């Protein structure tokens, strides 16, 4: 177990290093520079480039940046003058994290429940209805679903606030929209896992013993169907984290997503690279934890 854990940690660190390297050089391929402005004299632009070290050769900039990352220095934002990237993350990420966790909770609970119901009513109208909405949830992006739900529940019915952040009511719509695609994929995955489990010999044995259908579902089918669901938590986290950029914009949420988008449009190199590495580290860490949890969920799995 220890050997496997150390190996996985090494792979995770290598992944983050490769991500940082690719992000750095891809940004350098973008045309223009963050200080390009016809209203600012060229001499001042050159001084700005020199102040932030952007006038140095690309390879030298790369080694300086990697050294700073290794020491925990994420740099200073080019757009928000005088603000460290660390401070920006500390101020705005808690909002995005809260939104993502609520969306993930919705996605897992509702997706598992719908998947169980769909499997129990296979080839009957509840199954068809749930699969229809699951396909819609996967096919329609947040930028389409978000405004529709916002208009229907916020403007027409007036049961939920249309924007803002802070109260429980303001969290419901954006969290649901953010987790909708994951709810749909979890519904289909859980249905497939449940149906595959029903054909196993131990399920037939449980039925022969006279166990009630509810007992069979809870004690046997559900437990053994959670292992593939656990493997989907990593991609689910990626979905809710990356999708929050659009949802935060639609519902006017003061999260980290808007800073990521504005950083790309203004070529704020330190902020772009730091946020990319920050999100990448979260996703790699969660995938590592999911791998290690396999043995907890199903004792038959041996990591060694």
Foldseek 3Di string as FASTA:
>chain_A
DVVLLVVLVVVLVVVLVVLLVVLLVVLVPDDDALLDDPVDDPVVVVVLCVVQVVVDDSVVVVVVCVVCVVVVQLDPWPVPPPDGLVVVCVVFAVLLVVLLVLLLVCQQVLLLVLLVVLLVQDPDDSVVVLLVQLVVLQPDALLVVLVVVLCVCCPVVNPAPSADDDDPRRSPRLSNSLNSNSSSVSSVLNNVQLNVQCPDPVLVVCVVVVDDPVCSCVVPSVLRSCLVVLQCVLVSSVSSSVSVLSSCVRRVYRHCSVVCVVCVVSVRPSNVSVVSSVSSSVSSVSNSVSVVCSCVSPVVDDSD
